[in-house]
Amino acid sequence: MKRIRRCLGVLAALSGALFALAAAAPAALASLAPPDPGPAGAAPAPVIRTAVVGGMPGWQIALIAAGAALLAAVVAVLADRAWAARRQVTAPGA
């Protein structure tokens, strides 16, 4: 039974990784088409967009990272306590 649970866990992790790869692939493989040369072969000036205009401030990124780390720590402590509670073994004959 333990071996089946472990295999199902590995299968779930691999399918999650495959799903994440499939979700990110369209954005990673996207490209822009070259502009039309227009009349007399003159190409229009390229539009340059910077991340400064619509980016996220650094303090927000730090706050999100700190919140995620705190949430992960709480989940890890709760999981450890639940695992320790299940593993308590009573003395034989007690």
C-alpha atoms as a PDB file:
ATOM      1  CA  MET A   1       0.000   0.000   0.000  1.00  0.00           C
ATOM      2  CA  LYS A   2       2.872   2.336   0.836  1.00  0.00           C
ATOM      3  CA  ARG A   3       4.502   1.688  -2.522  1.00  0.00           C
ATOM      4  CA  ILE A   4       1.268   2.539  -4.360  1.00  0.00           C
ATOM      5  CA  ARG A   5       0.896   5.809  -2.435  1.00  0.00           C
ATOM      6  CA  ARG A   6       4.492   6.737  -3.245  1.00  0.00           C
ATOM      7  CA  CYS A   7       3.983   5.967  -6.947  1.00  0.00           C
ATOM      8  CA  LEU A   8       0.796   8.048  -6.998  1.00  0.00           C
ATOM      9  CA  GLY A   9       2.638  10.908  -5.320  1.00  0.00           C
ATOM     10  CA  VAL A  10       5.415  10.802  -7.902  1.00  0.00           C
ATOM     11  CA  LEU A  11       2.839  10.624 -10.686  1.00  0.00           C
ATOM     12  CA  ALA A  12       1.005  13.655  -9.254  1.00  0.00           C
ATOM     13  CA  ALA A  13       4.247  15.640  -9.017  1.00  0.00           C
ATOM     14  CA  LEU A  14       5.218  14.798 -12.588  1.00  0.00           C
ATOM     15  CA  SER A  15       1.770  15.673 -13.921  1.00  0.00           C
ATOM     16  CA  GLY A  16       1.892  18.992 -12.044  1.00  0.00           C
ATOM     17  CA  ALA A  17       5.274  19.781 -13.564  1.00  0.00           C
ATOM     18  CA  LEU A  18       3.970  18.875 -17.008  1.00  0.00           C
ATOM     19  CA  PHE A  19       0.933  21.112 -16.493  1.00  0.00           C
ATOM     20  CA  ALA A  20       3.148  24.026 -15.434  1.00  0.00           C
ATOM     21  CA  LEU A  21       5.345  23.507 -18.482  1.00  0.00           C
ATOM     22  CA  ALA A  22       2.325  23.405 -20.787  1.00  0.00           C
ATOM     23  CA  ALA A  23       0.916  26.575 -19.226  1.00  0.00           C
ATOM     24  CA  ALA A  24       4.195  28.481 -19.602  1.00  0.00           C
ATOM     25  CA  ALA A  25       5.152  27.232 -23.061  1.00  0.00           C
ATOM     26  CA  PRO A  26       2.965  29.593 -25.157  1.00  0.00           C
ATOM     27  CA  ALA A  27       4.404  32.654 -23.431  1.00  0.00           C
ATOM     28  CA  ALA A  28       7.961  31.360 -23.630  1.00  0.00           C
ATOM     29  CA  LEU A  29       7.762  30.580 -27.337  1.00  0.00           C
ATOM     30  CA  ALA A  30       5.958  33.770 -28.396  1.00  0.00           C
ATOM     31  CA  SER A  31       7.649  36.065 -30.888  1.00  0.00           C
ATOM     32  CA  LEU A  32       6.819  39.280 -32.709  1.00  0.00           C
ATOM     33  CA  ALA A  33       6.329  39.350 -36.463  1.00  0.00           C
ATOM     34  CA  PRO A  34       8.672  41.700 -38.334  1.00  0.00           C
ATOM     35  CA  PRO A  35       7.032  45.013 -39.290  1.00  0.00           C
ATOM     36  CA  ASP A  36       5.843  45.672 -42.841  1.00  0.00           C
ATOM     37  CA  PRO A  37       8.371  47.651 -44.825  1.00  0.00           C
ATOM     38  CA  GLY A  38       5.666  50.050 -46.012  1.00  0.00           C
ATOM     39  CA  PRO A  39       6.001  52.237 -49.082  1.00  0.00           C
ATOM     40  CA  ALA A  40       9.448  52.751 -50.576  1.00  0.00           C
ATOM     41  CA  GLY A  41      10.992  50.206 -48.190  1.00  0.00           C
ATOM     42  CA  ALA A  42      10.922  52.525 -45.134  1.00  0.00           C
ATOM     43  CA  ALA A  43      10.397  50.504 -41.954  1.00  0.00           C
ATOM     44  CA  PRO A  44       8.475  52.154 -39.117  1.00  0.00           C
ATOM     45  CA  ALA A  45      10.378  52.899 -35.944  1.00  0.00           C
ATOM     46  CA  PRO A  46      10.126  50.055 -33.427  1.00  0.00           C
ATOM     47  CA  VAL A  47       8.076  50.612 -30.293  1.00  0.00           C
ATOM     48  CA  ILE A  48      10.159  50.175 -27.150  1.00  0.00           C
ATOM     49  CA  ARG A  49       8.379  49.362 -23.903  1.00  0.00           C
ATOM     50  CA  THR A  50      10.174  49.346 -20.587  1.00  0.00           C
ATOM     51  CA  ALA A  51       9.272  47.517 -17.420  1.00  0.00           C
ATOM     52  CA  VAL A  52       9.589  50.731 -15.441  1.00  0.00           C
ATOM     53  CA  VAL A  53       6.253  52.052 -16.711  1.00  0.00           C
ATOM     54  CA  GLY A  54       4.026  49.207 -15.549  1.00  0.00           C
ATOM     55  CA  GLY A  55       6.225  47.155 -13.265  1.00  0.00           C
ATOM     56  CA  MET A  56       5.605  46.110  -9.690  1.00  0.00           C
ATOM     57  CA  PRO A  57       7.449  48.048  -6.956  1.00  0.00           C
ATOM     58  CA  GLY A  58      10.192  46.191  -5.118  1.00  0.00           C
ATOM     59  CA  TRP A  59       8.504  46.493  -1.726  1.00  0.00           C
ATOM     60  CA  GLN A  60       5.466  44.621  -3.071  1.00  0.00           C
ATOM     61  CA  ILE A  61       7.653  41.836  -4.393  1.00  0.00           C
ATOM     62  CA  ALA A  62       9.431  41.602  -1.020  1.00  0.00           C
ATOM     63  CA  LEU A  63       6.083  41.555   0.814  1.00  0.00           C
ATOM     64  CA  ILE A  64       4.770  38.747  -1.393  1.00  0.00           C
ATOM     65  CA  ALA A  65       7.974  36.732  -0.900  1.00  0.00           C
ATOM     66  CA  ALA A  66       7.849  37.214   2.885  1.00  0.00           C
ATOM     67  CA  GLY A  67       4.186  36.185   2.985  1.00  0.00           C
ATOM     68  CA  ALA A  68       4.880  33.078   0.908  1.00  0.00           C
ATOM     69  CA  ALA A  69       7.792  32.118   3.179  1.00  0.00           C
ATOM     70  CA  LEU A  70       5.650  32.613   6.287  1.00  0.00           C
ATOM     71  CA  LEU A  71       2.830  30.542   4.809  1.00  0.00           C
ATOM     72  CA  ALA A  72       5.249  27.764   3.855  1.00  0.00           C
ATOM     73  CA  ALA A  73       6.694  27.742   7.392  1.00  0.00           C
ATOM     74  CA  VAL A  74       3.234  27.498   8.973  1.00  0.00           C
ATOM     75  CA  VAL A  75       2.242  24.652   6.643  1.00  0.00           C
ATOM     76  CA  ALA A  76       5.512  22.827   7.377  1.00  0.00           C
ATOM     77  CA  VAL A  77       5.024  23.115  11.157  1.00  0.00           C
ATOM     78  CA  LEU A  78       1.415  21.930  10.954  1.00  0.00           C
ATOM     79  CA  ALA A  79       2.396  19.002   8.730  1.00  0.00           C
ATOM     80  CA  ASP A  80       5.227  18.038  11.099  1.00  0.00           C
ATOM     81  CA  ARG A  81       2.919  18.122  14.109  1.00  0.00           C
ATOM     82  CA  ALA A  82       0.298  16.043  12.322  1.00  0.00           C
ATOM     83  CA  TRP A  83       2.936  13.537  11.253  1.00  0.00           C
ATOM     84  CA  ALA A  84       4.363  13.330  14.796  1.00  0.00           C
ATOM     85  CA  ALA A  85       0.886  12.805  16.262  1.00  0.00           C
ATOM     86  CA  ARG A  86       0.266   9.868  13.934  1.00  0.00           C
ATOM     87  CA  ARG A  87       3.598   8.251  14.752  1.00  0.00           C
ATOM     88  CA  GLN A  88       3.207   8.122  18.542  1.00  0.00           C
ATOM     89  CA  VAL A  89       3.590   4.516  19.565  1.00  0.00           C
ATOM     90  CA  THR A  90       2.344   3.257  22.906  1.00  0.00           C
ATOM     91  CA  ALA A  91       4.391   0.771  24.890  1.00  0.00           C
ATOM     92  CA  PRO A  92       3.328  -2.844  24.378  1.00  0.00           C
ATOM     93  CA  GLY A  93       1.223  -4.220  27.201  1.00  0.00           C
ATOM     94  CA  ALA A  94       0.396  -0.805  28.645  1.00  0.00           C
END
